[in-house]
Amino acid sequence: MLTTSSRLVIATTNKGKVKEFVHRFNGMNNTIYSLSDFKDVPSVVEDGDTFMENAEKKARTIGDALNLISLADDSGLCVEVLLGQPGVYSARYAGETATDHDNVNKLLQVLLHRSDDEGTVGHTLPIHPLGYKLLSPAYFACALVLYDPSNNLVIRVEEICPGWIIDKPCGEGGFGYDPIFYLPEFGRTMAELTVEEKNKISHRGKALDSLFNQLRL
């Protein structure tokens, strides 16, 4: 399986994810690629019902196509008052070509409209001292799959990071829903954390720790 000198492809073109993965592998002798390093890579339709189904489909498809050990994740945001939405549709919540900004705006519109309908904004919702309205408990989830096509070995891990959705973006770091994902223990959003802080507590960081524990790297 994976050693400190393995060649590894991270099955994504998402620059934010690649940055987090590469940072976690820092100090090892792995040769790390992303899908941006290859031409004619097969596209993967993420049609699974769970994060784990999508992650494994990506890992197997890319690993077999490139004949490399592949590391794939599927991750997203699950909001309590929306019964787990957007979930596996997080990256395309506002449409197939949606940007992070589009998805964040749609989620805020849905939550604020829902709260207005129920007469809860500014009343029963907890108010943060800095002025954020805490709209709903939520959690980020990450399913991570490492696949070796040479022996068909698969390692699967899944972790979450709990927090709250706030009513306005804050912070310039991270990506996706990070600017509206508030972490009470830090008093900041995910987008306000350093890369080191985020990797210690994020769903993806914890999933990587679980993976490394299984690999004993």
N, C-alpha and C. Protein backbone atom coordinates (compact mmCIF):
# COMPACT_ATOMS: atom_id res chain seq x y z
N MET A 1 0.85 -1.19 0.00
CA MET A 1 0.00 0.00 0.00
C MET A 1 0.88 1.23 0.00
N LEU A 2 0.50 2.26 0.72
CA LEU A 2 1.22 3.53 0.69
C LEU A 2 2.44 3.48 1.60
N THR A 3 3.59 3.91 1.07
CA THR A 3 4.80 4.07 1.85
C THR A 3 5.24 5.51 1.76
N THR A 4 6.34 5.84 2.42
CA THR A 4 6.81 7.23 2.41
C THR A 4 7.41 7.64 1.07
N SER A 5 7.55 6.71 0.14
CA SER A 5 8.11 7.05 -1.17
C SER A 5 7.15 6.72 -2.31
N SER A 6 5.88 6.51 -1.99
CA SER A 6 4.90 6.14 -3.02
C SER A 6 4.55 7.32 -3.92
N ARG A 7 4.09 6.98 -5.12
CA ARG A 7 3.51 7.96 -6.03
C ARG A 7 2.00 7.92 -5.81
N LEU A 8 1.43 9.08 -5.60
CA LEU A 8 0.03 9.18 -5.17
C LEU A 8 -0.68 10.26 -5.95
N VAL A 9 -1.89 9.96 -6.42
CA VAL A 9 -2.70 10.99 -7.07
C VAL A 9 -3.88 11.32 -6.17
N ILE A 10 -4.07 12.60 -5.93
CA ILE A 10 -5.23 13.09 -5.19
C ILE A 10 -6.33 13.33 -6.22
N ALA A 11 -7.42 12.62 -6.09
CA ALA A 11 -8.43 12.58 -7.14
C ALA A 11 -9.36 13.80 -7.10
N THR A 12 -8.76 14.97 -7.34
CA THR A 12 -9.55 16.20 -7.38
C THR A 12 -8.78 17.26 -8.16
N THR A 13 -9.51 18.25 -8.66
CA THR A 13 -8.90 19.44 -9.24
C THR A 13 -9.13 20.65 -8.32
N ASN A 14 -9.80 20.41 -7.20
CA ASN A 14 -10.09 21.49 -6.26
C ASN A 14 -8.79 21.95 -5.58
N LYS A 15 -8.38 23.18 -5.87
CA LYS A 15 -7.10 23.67 -5.36
C LYS A 15 -7.07 23.75 -3.84
N GLY A 16 -8.21 24.07 -3.24
CA GLY A 16 -8.26 24.13 -1.78
C GLY A 16 -8.01 22.78 -1.15
N LYS A 17 -8.65 21.74 -1.70
CA LYS A 17 -8.45 20.40 -1.17
C LYS A 17 -7.01 19.94 -1.39
N VAL A 18 -6.48 20.19 -2.60
CA VAL A 18 -5.10 19.78 -2.90
C VAL A 18 -4.14 20.42 -1.91
N LYS A 19 -4.34 21.69 -1.62
CA LYS A 19 -3.46 22.40 -0.69
C LYS A 19 -3.49 21.75 0.69
N GLU A 20 -4.67 21.38 1.16
CA GLU A 20 -4.79 20.76 2.48
C GLU A 20 -4.12 19.37 2.50
N PHE A 21 -4.33 18.59 1.45
CA PHE A 21 -3.72 17.26 1.39
C PHE A 21 -2.19 17.36 1.34
N VAL A 22 -1.70 18.22 0.46
CA VAL A 22 -0.24 18.36 0.31
C VAL A 22 0.39 18.81 1.62
N HIS A 23 -0.28 19.73 2.31
CA HIS A 23 0.24 20.21 3.59
C HIS A 23 0.35 19.06 4.58
N ARG A 24 -0.63 18.16 4.57
CA ARG A 24 -0.62 17.02 5.52
C ARG A 24 0.51 16.04 5.19
N PHE A 25 0.87 15.91 3.90
CA PHE A 25 1.93 14.99 3.50
C PHE A 25 3.32 15.64 3.56
N ASN A 26 3.37 16.88 3.97
CA ASN A 26 4.64 17.61 4.01
C ASN A 26 5.66 16.89 4.89
N GLY A 27 6.91 16.77 4.39
CA GLY A 27 7.97 16.12 5.14
C GLY A 27 8.16 14.67 4.76
N MET A 28 7.24 14.13 3.96
CA MET A 28 7.41 12.77 3.47
C MET A 28 7.98 12.82 2.06
N ASN A 29 8.39 11.69 1.56
CA ASN A 29 9.02 11.66 0.23
C ASN A 29 8.07 11.22 -0.86
N ASN A 30 6.76 11.29 -0.60
CA ASN A 30 5.80 10.92 -1.61
C ASN A 30 5.84 11.88 -2.79
N THR A 31 5.63 11.34 -3.98
CA THR A 31 5.40 12.17 -5.16
C THR A 31 3.89 12.30 -5.30
N ILE A 32 3.40 13.53 -5.16
CA ILE A 32 1.96 13.75 -5.09
C ILE A 32 1.49 14.51 -6.33
N TYR A 33 0.47 13.97 -6.95
CA TYR A 33 -0.15 14.60 -8.11
C TYR A 33 -1.60 14.95 -7.78
N SER A 34 -2.16 15.84 -8.58
CA SER A 34 -3.61 16.03 -8.58
C SER A 34 -4.10 15.78 -9.99
N LEU A 35 -5.40 15.81 -10.18
CA LEU A 35 -5.93 15.55 -11.52
C LEU A 35 -5.52 16.63 -12.51
N SER A 36 -5.14 17.80 -12.01
CA SER A 36 -4.69 18.88 -12.89
C SER A 36 -3.38 18.55 -13.58
N ASP A 37 -2.66 17.54 -13.09
CA ASP A 37 -1.38 17.15 -13.68
C ASP A 37 -1.52 16.18 -14.85
N PHE A 38 -2.76 15.77 -15.16
CA PHE A 38 -2.96 14.77 -16.19
C PHE A 38 -3.97 15.25 -17.23
N LYS A 39 -3.82 14.74 -18.44
CA LYS A 39 -4.77 15.00 -19.51
C LYS A 39 -5.64 13.76 -19.71
N ASP A 40 -6.82 13.99 -20.25
CA ASP A 40 -7.72 12.89 -20.60
C ASP A 40 -8.04 11.98 -19.42
N VAL A 41 -8.22 12.60 -18.24
CA VAL A 41 -8.63 11.82 -17.07
C VAL A 41 -10.15 11.60 -17.15
N PRO A 42 -10.62 10.39 -16.90
CA PRO A 42 -12.07 10.16 -16.99
C PRO A 42 -12.83 10.97 -15.96
N SER A 43 -13.97 11.49 -16.37
CA SER A 43 -14.82 12.21 -15.43
C SER A 43 -15.59 11.20 -14.59
N VAL A 44 -15.90 11.58 -13.39
CA VAL A 44 -16.61 10.69 -12.47
C VAL A 44 -17.93 11.35 -12.09
N VAL A 45 -19.01 10.68 -12.38
CA VAL A 45 -20.34 11.17 -11.99
C VAL A 45 -20.58 10.80 -10.53
N GLU A 46 -20.70 11.79 -9.69
CA GLU A 46 -20.88 11.55 -8.25
C GLU A 46 -22.36 11.32 -7.97
N ASP A 47 -22.83 10.12 -8.26
CA ASP A 47 -24.25 9.81 -8.14
C ASP A 47 -24.56 8.90 -6.95
N GLY A 48 -23.62 8.78 -6.04
CA GLY A 48 -23.86 7.96 -4.85
C GLY A 48 -24.81 8.62 -3.87
N ASP A 49 -25.40 7.81 -3.02
CA ASP A 49 -26.31 8.34 -2.00
C ASP A 49 -25.58 8.79 -0.75
N THR A 50 -24.30 8.42 -0.63
CA THR A 50 -23.51 8.78 0.55
C THR A 50 -22.16 9.34 0.12
N PHE A 51 -21.52 10.04 1.04
CA PHE A 51 -20.18 10.54 0.78
C PHE A 51 -19.22 9.39 0.50
N MET A 52 -19.35 8.28 1.23
CA MET A 52 -18.43 7.17 1.06
C MET A 52 -18.58 6.53 -0.32
N GLU A 53 -19.80 6.39 -0.80
CA GLU A 53 -20.00 5.82 -2.14
C GLU A 53 -19.32 6.68 -3.20
N ASN A 54 -19.47 7.98 -3.10
CA ASN A 54 -18.85 8.87 -4.08
C ASN A 54 -17.33 8.84 -3.99
N ALA A 55 -16.81 8.83 -2.78
CA ALA A 55 -15.35 8.83 -2.60
C ALA A 55 -14.74 7.56 -3.18
N GLU A 56 -15.37 6.41 -2.91
CA GLU A 56 -14.80 5.17 -3.41
C GLU A 56 -14.90 5.09 -4.94
N LYS A 57 -15.99 5.58 -5.49
CA LYS A 57 -16.12 5.57 -6.95
C LYS A 57 -15.02 6.40 -7.59
N LYS A 58 -14.75 7.58 -7.02
CA LYS A 58 -13.68 8.43 -7.56
C LYS A 58 -12.32 7.76 -7.42
N ALA A 59 -12.05 7.20 -6.24
CA ALA A 59 -10.74 6.59 -6.00
C ALA A 59 -10.49 5.44 -6.97
N ARG A 60 -11.47 4.57 -7.14
CA ARG A 60 -11.29 3.42 -8.03
C ARG A 60 -11.17 3.85 -9.50
N THR A 61 -12.01 4.76 -9.92
CA THR A 61 -11.99 5.20 -11.33
C THR A 61 -10.66 5.84 -11.69
N ILE A 62 -10.18 6.74 -10.83
CA ILE A 62 -8.93 7.45 -11.10
C ILE A 62 -7.73 6.53 -10.92
N GLY A 63 -7.73 5.73 -9.90
CA GLY A 63 -6.62 4.81 -9.67
C GLY A 63 -6.43 3.83 -10.81
N ASP A 64 -7.54 3.27 -11.28
CA ASP A 64 -7.46 2.32 -12.39
C ASP A 64 -7.03 3.00 -13.69
N ALA A 65 -7.53 4.21 -13.92
CA ALA A 65 -7.21 4.92 -15.16
C ALA A 65 -5.75 5.32 -15.23
N LEU A 66 -5.17 5.73 -14.11
CA LEU A 66 -3.80 6.23 -14.09
C LEU A 66 -2.80 5.19 -13.59
N ASN A 67 -3.31 4.07 -13.11
CA ASN A 67 -2.45 3.02 -12.54
C ASN A 67 -1.57 3.58 -11.42
N LEU A 68 -2.17 4.38 -10.57
CA LEU A 68 -1.49 4.97 -9.42
C LEU A 68 -2.35 4.76 -8.18
N ILE A 69 -1.70 4.73 -7.03
CA ILE A 69 -2.45 4.78 -5.77
C ILE A 69 -3.23 6.09 -5.77
N SER A 70 -4.51 6.02 -5.47
CA SER A 70 -5.34 7.22 -5.52
C SER A 70 -5.97 7.48 -4.16
N LEU A 71 -6.09 8.75 -3.86
CA LEU A 71 -6.73 9.21 -2.62
C LEU A 71 -7.88 10.13 -3.01
N ALA A 72 -9.09 9.73 -2.66
CA ALA A 72 -10.26 10.52 -3.03
C ALA A 72 -11.10 10.82 -1.80
N ASP A 73 -11.68 11.98 -1.80
CA ASP A 73 -12.61 12.31 -0.72
C ASP A 73 -13.92 12.79 -1.32
N ASP A 74 -14.96 12.62 -0.56
CA ASP A 74 -16.21 13.31 -0.84
C ASP A 74 -16.63 13.92 0.47
N SER A 75 -16.91 15.18 0.42
CA SER A 75 -17.21 15.89 1.65
C SER A 75 -18.31 16.90 1.40
N GLY A 76 -18.91 17.33 2.48
CA GLY A 76 -19.99 18.30 2.33
C GLY A 76 -20.50 18.77 3.66
N LEU A 77 -21.49 19.62 3.57
CA LEU A 77 -22.07 20.27 4.74
C LEU A 77 -23.47 19.71 4.99
N CYS A 78 -23.73 19.35 6.23
CA CYS A 78 -25.04 18.83 6.62
C CYS A 78 -25.63 19.77 7.68
N VAL A 79 -26.75 20.37 7.37
CA VAL A 79 -27.37 21.38 8.23
C VAL A 79 -28.56 20.78 8.96
N GLU A 80 -28.57 20.92 10.28
CA GLU A 80 -29.56 20.23 11.10
C GLU A 80 -30.99 20.62 10.74
N VAL A 81 -31.28 21.92 10.65
CA VAL A 81 -32.67 22.33 10.40
C VAL A 81 -33.12 22.02 8.98
N LEU A 82 -32.19 21.68 8.10
CA LEU A 82 -32.54 21.27 6.74
C LEU A 82 -32.46 19.76 6.59
N LEU A 83 -32.45 19.06 7.73
CA LEU A 83 -32.46 17.59 7.74
C LEU A 83 -31.29 17.00 6.96
N GLY A 84 -30.12 17.63 7.12
CA GLY A 84 -28.91 17.10 6.52
C GLY A 84 -28.55 17.67 5.16
N GLN A 85 -29.40 18.50 4.60
CA GLN A 85 -29.04 19.15 3.34
C GLN A 85 -27.98 20.22 3.59
N PRO A 86 -27.18 20.57 2.59
CA PRO A 86 -27.16 20.04 1.22
C PRO A 86 -26.48 18.68 1.07
N GLY A 87 -25.74 18.21 2.06
CA GLY A 87 -25.20 16.86 2.04
C GLY A 87 -24.34 16.57 0.82
N VAL A 88 -24.63 15.46 0.13
CA VAL A 88 -23.81 15.07 -1.02
C VAL A 88 -23.95 16.04 -2.19
N TYR A 89 -24.91 16.94 -2.09
CA TYR A 89 -25.09 17.95 -3.15
C TYR A 89 -24.42 19.28 -2.80
N SER A 90 -23.58 19.29 -1.78
CA SER A 90 -23.01 20.55 -1.29
C SER A 90 -22.29 21.35 -2.37
N ALA A 91 -21.50 20.67 -3.22
CA ALA A 91 -20.71 21.38 -4.22
C ALA A 91 -21.55 21.92 -5.35
N ARG A 92 -22.76 21.41 -5.52
CA ARG A 92 -23.64 21.86 -6.61
C ARG A 92 -25.01 22.26 -6.08
N TYR A 93 -25.04 22.76 -4.87
CA TYR A 93 -26.30 23.13 -4.22
C TYR A 93 -27.05 24.19 -5.01
N ALA A 94 -26.32 25.13 -5.59
CA ALA A 94 -26.94 26.20 -6.37
C ALA A 94 -26.93 25.91 -7.86
N GLY A 95 -26.59 24.68 -8.25
CA GLY A 95 -26.56 24.31 -9.66
C GLY A 95 -25.26 23.62 -10.04
N GLU A 96 -25.26 22.94 -11.16
CA GLU A 96 -24.11 22.15 -11.59
C GLU A 96 -22.85 22.99 -11.79
N THR A 97 -23.01 24.25 -12.19
CA THR A 97 -21.84 25.12 -12.41
C THR A 97 -21.67 26.15 -11.31
N ALA A 98 -22.26 25.89 -10.16
CA ALA A 98 -22.23 26.86 -9.06
C ALA A 98 -20.83 27.09 -8.52
N THR A 99 -20.55 28.32 -8.15
CA THR A 99 -19.31 28.67 -7.46
C THR A 99 -19.53 28.55 -5.95
N ASP A 100 -18.45 28.62 -5.19
CA ASP A 100 -18.58 28.62 -3.73
C ASP A 100 -19.49 29.75 -3.29
N HIS A 101 -19.32 30.93 -3.91
CA HIS A 101 -20.13 32.10 -3.56
C HIS A 101 -21.61 31.81 -3.81
N ASP A 102 -21.92 31.18 -4.94
CA ASP A 102 -23.31 30.84 -5.27
C ASP A 102 -23.91 29.91 -4.22
N ASN A 103 -23.15 28.89 -3.84
CA ASN A 103 -23.67 27.92 -2.87
C ASN A 103 -23.90 28.54 -1.51
N VAL A 104 -22.95 29.35 -1.07
CA VAL A 104 -23.10 30.03 0.22
C VAL A 104 -24.33 30.93 0.22
N ASN A 105 -24.48 31.71 -0.85
CA ASN A 105 -25.63 32.62 -0.94
C ASN A 105 -26.95 31.85 -0.93
N LYS A 106 -27.02 30.75 -1.66
CA LYS A 106 -28.27 30.00 -1.67
C LYS A 106 -28.58 29.45 -0.30
N LEU A 107 -27.57 28.89 0.37
CA LEU A 107 -27.82 28.32 1.70
C LEU A 107 -28.32 29.40 2.66
N LEU A 108 -27.70 30.57 2.63
CA LEU A 108 -28.13 31.65 3.52
C LEU A 108 -29.56 32.09 3.19
N GLN A 109 -29.88 32.18 1.91
CA GLN A 109 -31.23 32.56 1.52
C GLN A 109 -32.25 31.55 2.03
N VAL A 110 -31.93 30.26 1.89
CA VAL A 110 -32.85 29.21 2.35
C VAL A 110 -33.04 29.29 3.86
N LEU A 111 -31.95 29.43 4.58
CA LEU A 111 -32.04 29.45 6.05
C LEU A 111 -32.72 30.71 6.56
N LEU A 112 -32.38 31.85 5.98
CA LEU A 112 -32.99 33.11 6.44
C LEU A 112 -34.47 33.17 6.09
N HIS A 113 -34.82 32.66 4.91
CA HIS A 113 -36.23 32.62 4.52
C HIS A 113 -37.01 31.69 5.45
N ARG A 114 -36.40 30.55 5.75
CA ARG A 114 -37.04 29.61 6.65
C ARG A 114 -37.25 30.22 8.03
N SER A 115 -36.22 30.93 8.50
CA SER A 115 -36.31 31.55 9.83
C SER A 115 -37.35 32.67 9.85
N ASP A 116 -37.40 33.45 8.77
CA ASP A 116 -38.39 34.52 8.69
C ASP A 116 -39.80 33.96 8.72
N ASP A 117 -40.02 32.87 7.98
CA ASP A 117 -41.34 32.24 7.94
C ASP A 117 -41.77 31.77 9.31
N GLU A 118 -40.80 31.33 10.11
CA GLU A 118 -41.12 30.80 11.43
C GLU A 118 -41.06 31.88 12.51
N GLY A 119 -40.70 33.10 12.13
CA GLY A 119 -40.63 34.20 13.08
C GLY A 119 -39.55 34.05 14.12
N THR A 120 -38.41 33.46 13.72
CA THR A 120 -37.37 33.17 14.71
C THR A 120 -36.17 34.09 14.63
N VAL A 121 -35.96 34.78 13.50
CA VAL A 121 -34.78 35.62 13.38
C VAL A 121 -34.81 36.72 14.43
N GLY A 122 -33.74 36.81 15.21
CA GLY A 122 -33.64 37.85 16.23
C GLY A 122 -34.42 37.56 17.49
N HIS A 123 -35.04 36.41 17.57
CA HIS A 123 -35.84 36.09 18.75
C HIS A 123 -35.28 34.85 19.45
N THR A 124 -35.68 33.68 19.01
CA THR A 124 -35.23 32.47 19.69
C THR A 124 -33.84 32.02 19.26
N LEU A 125 -33.33 32.56 18.15
CA LEU A 125 -32.00 32.16 17.73
C LEU A 125 -30.95 32.77 18.65
N PRO A 126 -29.91 32.01 19.02
CA PRO A 126 -28.85 32.59 19.83
C PRO A 126 -28.08 33.64 19.04
N ILE A 127 -27.69 34.72 19.67
CA ILE A 127 -26.97 35.80 19.01
C ILE A 127 -25.53 35.83 19.52
N HIS A 128 -24.57 35.81 18.61
CA HIS A 128 -23.17 35.84 18.99
C HIS A 128 -22.77 37.27 19.36
N PRO A 129 -21.84 37.46 20.32
CA PRO A 129 -21.43 38.81 20.74
C PRO A 129 -20.93 39.69 19.59
N LEU A 130 -20.35 39.11 18.55
CA LEU A 130 -19.86 39.91 17.43
C LEU A 130 -20.96 40.27 16.45
N GLY A 131 -22.16 39.81 16.71
CA GLY A 131 -23.27 40.18 15.85
C GLY A 131 -23.73 39.10 14.90
N TYR A 132 -23.06 37.97 14.89
CA TYR A 132 -23.52 36.88 14.04
C TYR A 132 -24.82 36.32 14.59
N LYS A 133 -25.72 35.98 13.71
CA LYS A 133 -26.87 35.18 14.11
C LYS A 133 -26.51 33.73 13.81
N LEU A 134 -26.67 32.88 14.80
CA LEU A 134 -26.38 31.46 14.63
C LEU A 134 -27.65 30.79 14.10
N LEU A 135 -27.63 30.43 12.83
CA LEU A 135 -28.85 30.00 12.16
C LEU A 135 -29.20 28.54 12.42
N SER A 136 -28.20 27.68 12.51
CA SER A 136 -28.48 26.26 12.73
C SER A 136 -27.21 25.51 13.08
N PRO A 137 -27.31 24.51 13.96
CA PRO A 137 -26.19 23.58 14.10
C PRO A 137 -25.96 22.87 12.76
N ALA A 138 -24.73 22.50 12.52
CA ALA A 138 -24.38 21.83 11.28
C ALA A 138 -23.08 21.07 11.49
N TYR A 139 -22.74 20.24 10.52
CA TYR A 139 -21.43 19.62 10.57
C TYR A 139 -20.91 19.39 9.16
N PHE A 140 -19.60 19.48 9.03
CA PHE A 140 -18.93 19.06 7.81
C PHE A 140 -18.62 17.57 7.95
N ALA A 141 -18.81 16.82 6.86
CA ALA A 141 -18.47 15.40 6.84
C ALA A 141 -17.47 15.14 5.73
N CYS A 142 -16.55 14.22 5.96
CA CYS A 142 -15.57 13.83 4.95
C CYS A 142 -15.41 12.32 4.94
N ALA A 143 -15.67 11.72 3.78
CA ALA A 143 -15.35 10.32 3.55
C ALA A 143 -14.09 10.27 2.70
N LEU A 144 -13.12 9.49 3.14
CA LEU A 144 -11.82 9.43 2.48
C LEU A 144 -11.51 7.98 2.12
N VAL A 145 -11.11 7.78 0.86
CA VAL A 145 -10.80 6.42 0.40
C VAL A 145 -9.44 6.40 -0.27
N LEU A 146 -8.59 5.50 0.18
CA LEU A 146 -7.29 5.27 -0.45
C LEU A 146 -7.37 3.93 -1.18
N TYR A 147 -6.99 3.94 -2.45
CA TYR A 147 -7.15 2.75 -3.29
C TYR A 147 -5.85 2.45 -4.02
N ASP A 148 -5.41 1.19 -3.94
CA ASP A 148 -4.21 0.74 -4.64
C ASP A 148 -4.62 -0.23 -5.74
N PRO A 149 -4.54 0.19 -7.01
CA PRO A 149 -4.99 -0.69 -8.10
C PRO A 149 -4.10 -1.92 -8.29
N SER A 150 -2.90 -1.91 -7.74
CA SER A 150 -2.00 -3.05 -7.93
C SER A 150 -2.46 -4.29 -7.17
N ASN A 151 -3.22 -4.08 -6.09
CA ASN A 151 -3.67 -5.22 -5.29
C ASN A 151 -5.13 -5.12 -4.86
N ASN A 152 -5.82 -4.10 -5.39
CA ASN A 152 -7.24 -3.88 -5.10
C ASN A 152 -7.50 -3.61 -3.62
N LEU A 153 -6.50 -3.10 -2.91
CA LEU A 153 -6.65 -2.79 -1.49
C LEU A 153 -7.32 -1.42 -1.32
N VAL A 154 -8.30 -1.37 -0.43
CA VAL A 154 -9.05 -0.14 -0.18
C VAL A 154 -9.06 0.14 1.32
N ILE A 155 -8.80 1.39 1.68
CA ILE A 155 -8.95 1.84 3.07
C ILE A 155 -9.98 2.96 3.08
N ARG A 156 -10.96 2.83 3.97
CA ARG A 156 -12.05 3.80 4.05
C ARG A 156 -12.09 4.42 5.46
N VAL A 157 -12.21 5.74 5.52
CA VAL A 157 -12.39 6.42 6.81
C VAL A 157 -13.41 7.53 6.63
N GLU A 158 -14.06 7.90 7.72
CA GLU A 158 -15.03 9.00 7.66
C GLU A 158 -15.03 9.74 8.99
N GLU A 159 -15.04 11.07 8.92
CA GLU A 159 -15.01 11.91 10.12
C GLU A 159 -15.92 13.12 9.90
N ILE A 160 -16.27 13.77 11.01
CA ILE A 160 -17.08 14.99 10.94
C ILE A 160 -16.46 16.10 11.78
N CYS A 161 -16.90 17.31 11.51
CA CYS A 161 -16.52 18.47 12.32
C CYS A 161 -17.79 19.28 12.59
N PRO A 162 -18.23 19.36 13.86
CA PRO A 162 -19.46 20.08 14.19
C PRO A 162 -19.24 21.58 14.33
N GLY A 163 -20.29 22.33 14.08
CA GLY A 163 -20.24 23.78 14.24
C GLY A 163 -21.61 24.39 14.04
N TRP A 164 -21.62 25.67 13.66
CA TRP A 164 -22.87 26.39 13.43
C TRP A 164 -22.79 27.15 12.10
N ILE A 165 -23.93 27.30 11.46
CA ILE A 165 -24.03 28.19 10.30
C ILE A 165 -24.41 29.58 10.80
N ILE A 166 -23.64 30.59 10.38
CA ILE A 166 -23.95 31.97 10.74
C ILE A 166 -24.56 32.71 9.55
N ASP A 167 -25.10 33.90 9.82
CA ASP A 167 -25.91 34.57 8.81
C ASP A 167 -25.12 35.43 7.82
N LYS A 168 -23.79 35.51 7.98
CA LYS A 168 -23.01 36.30 7.03
C LYS A 168 -21.58 35.76 6.97
N PRO A 169 -20.98 35.78 5.78
CA PRO A 169 -19.62 35.25 5.64
C PRO A 169 -18.61 36.07 6.44
N CYS A 170 -17.60 35.38 6.94
CA CYS A 170 -16.54 36.04 7.67
C CYS A 170 -15.24 35.26 7.49
N GLY A 171 -14.20 35.95 7.02
CA GLY A 171 -12.91 35.31 6.82
C GLY A 171 -12.58 35.13 5.36
N GLU A 172 -11.30 35.15 5.04
CA GLU A 172 -10.84 35.07 3.65
C GLU A 172 -10.16 33.74 3.32
N GLY A 173 -9.94 32.89 4.29
CA GLY A 173 -9.26 31.64 4.04
C GLY A 173 -10.22 30.52 3.69
N GLY A 174 -9.66 29.32 3.51
CA GLY A 174 -10.49 28.17 3.23
C GLY A 174 -11.19 28.25 1.89
N PHE A 175 -12.28 27.51 1.77
CA PHE A 175 -13.06 27.49 0.55
C PHE A 175 -14.42 26.90 0.87
N GLY A 176 -15.29 26.82 -0.13
CA GLY A 176 -16.61 26.26 0.08
C GLY A 176 -17.42 27.05 1.09
N TYR A 177 -17.97 26.35 2.06
CA TYR A 177 -18.84 26.98 3.06
C TYR A 177 -18.06 27.47 4.28
N ASP A 178 -16.74 27.42 4.24
CA ASP A 178 -15.92 27.81 5.40
C ASP A 178 -16.27 29.18 5.98
N PRO A 179 -16.56 30.21 5.15
CA PRO A 179 -16.81 31.54 5.72
C PRO A 179 -18.08 31.64 6.55
N ILE A 180 -19.01 30.70 6.43
CA ILE A 180 -20.23 30.77 7.24
C ILE A 180 -20.32 29.62 8.24
N PHE A 181 -19.21 28.89 8.41
CA PHE A 181 -19.19 27.78 9.35
C PHE A 181 -18.44 28.21 10.59
N TYR A 182 -19.18 28.45 11.65
CA TYR A 182 -18.64 29.02 12.88
C TYR A 182 -18.30 27.93 13.89
N LEU A 183 -17.10 28.06 14.49
CA LEU A 183 -16.60 27.08 15.46
C LEU A 183 -16.55 27.73 16.84
N PRO A 184 -17.49 27.41 17.72
CA PRO A 184 -17.56 28.05 19.04
C PRO A 184 -16.27 27.93 19.84
N GLU A 185 -15.56 26.80 19.73
CA GLU A 185 -14.35 26.61 20.53
C GLU A 185 -13.23 27.57 20.12
N PHE A 186 -13.28 28.07 18.89
CA PHE A 186 -12.29 29.02 18.41
C PHE A 186 -12.81 30.46 18.44
N GLY A 187 -14.13 30.62 18.43
CA GLY A 187 -14.71 31.95 18.32
C GLY A 187 -14.48 32.55 16.94
N ARG A 188 -14.28 31.68 15.95
CA ARG A 188 -14.02 32.11 14.58
C ARG A 188 -14.70 31.16 13.60
N THR A 189 -14.77 31.60 12.35
CA THR A 189 -15.25 30.69 11.32
C THR A 189 -14.10 29.84 10.82
N MET A 190 -14.45 28.81 10.07
CA MET A 190 -13.42 27.95 9.48
C MET A 190 -12.52 28.76 8.55
N ALA A 191 -13.08 29.78 7.91
CA ALA A 191 -12.31 30.61 6.98
C ALA A 191 -11.34 31.55 7.69
N GLU A 192 -11.44 31.66 9.01
CA GLU A 192 -10.54 32.52 9.77
C GLU A 192 -9.40 31.74 10.43
N LEU A 193 -9.39 30.42 10.26
CA LEU A 193 -8.33 29.61 10.85
C LEU A 193 -7.10 29.57 9.94
N THR A 194 -5.95 29.34 10.54
CA THR A 194 -4.76 29.07 9.74
C THR A 194 -4.87 27.66 9.16
N VAL A 195 -4.04 27.35 8.19
CA VAL A 195 -4.04 26.00 7.61
C VAL A 195 -3.74 24.97 8.69
N GLU A 196 -2.80 25.29 9.58
CA GLU A 196 -2.43 24.37 10.66
C GLU A 196 -3.60 24.13 11.61
N GLU A 197 -4.29 25.20 11.98
CA GLU A 197 -5.45 25.06 12.88
C GLU A 197 -6.55 24.25 12.22
N LYS A 198 -6.82 24.57 10.96
CA LYS A 198 -7.90 23.87 10.26
C LYS A 198 -7.61 22.39 10.12
N ASN A 199 -6.38 22.04 9.78
CA ASN A 199 -6.04 20.63 9.58
C ASN A 199 -6.15 19.82 10.87
N LYS A 200 -6.04 20.47 12.02
CA LYS A 200 -6.14 19.76 13.29
C LYS A 200 -7.58 19.38 13.64
N ILE A 201 -8.54 20.22 13.22
CA ILE A 201 -9.91 20.01 13.70
C ILE A 201 -10.93 19.77 12.60
N SER A 202 -10.55 20.00 11.34
CA SER A 202 -11.53 19.88 10.27
C SER A 202 -11.89 18.43 10.00
N HIS A 203 -13.01 18.22 9.36
CA HIS A 203 -13.45 16.89 8.95
C HIS A 203 -12.40 16.21 8.09
N ARG A 204 -11.79 16.97 7.15
CA ARG A 204 -10.79 16.39 6.26
C ARG A 204 -9.49 16.11 7.01
N GLY A 205 -9.10 17.01 7.90
CA GLY A 205 -7.91 16.81 8.69
C GLY A 205 -8.03 15.59 9.59
N LYS A 206 -9.19 15.43 10.23
CA LYS A 206 -9.40 14.28 11.10
C LYS A 206 -9.46 12.98 10.31
N ALA A 207 -10.05 13.04 9.10
CA ALA A 207 -10.09 11.84 8.26
C ALA A 207 -8.69 11.44 7.84
N LEU A 208 -7.85 12.42 7.51
CA LEU A 208 -6.46 12.11 7.16
C LEU A 208 -5.71 11.52 8.35
N ASP A 209 -5.95 12.05 9.54
CA ASP A 209 -5.32 11.48 10.74
C ASP A 209 -5.74 10.02 10.92
N SER A 210 -7.02 9.73 10.73
CA SER A 210 -7.50 8.35 10.85
C SER A 210 -6.86 7.45 9.80
N LEU A 211 -6.72 7.98 8.59
CA LEU A 211 -6.08 7.21 7.53
C LEU A 211 -4.62 6.92 7.86
N PHE A 212 -3.91 7.95 8.30
CA PHE A 212 -2.49 7.77 8.63
C PHE A 212 -2.31 6.82 9.80
N ASN A 213 -3.26 6.83 10.74
CA ASN A 213 -3.17 5.89 11.86
C ASN A 213 -3.30 4.45 11.36
N GLN A 214 -4.16 4.25 10.38
CA GLN A 214 -4.30 2.89 9.83
C GLN A 214 -3.06 2.48 9.04
N LEU A 215 -2.45 3.47 8.37
CA LEU A 215 -1.25 3.17 7.59
C LEU A 215 0.00 3.16 8.45
N ARG A 216 -0.13 3.76 9.68
CA ARG A 216 0.99 3.89 10.60
C ARG A 216 2.13 4.68 9.98
N LEU A 217 1.77 5.78 9.29
CA LEU A 217 2.79 6.66 8.70
C LEU A 217 3.05 7.84 9.63
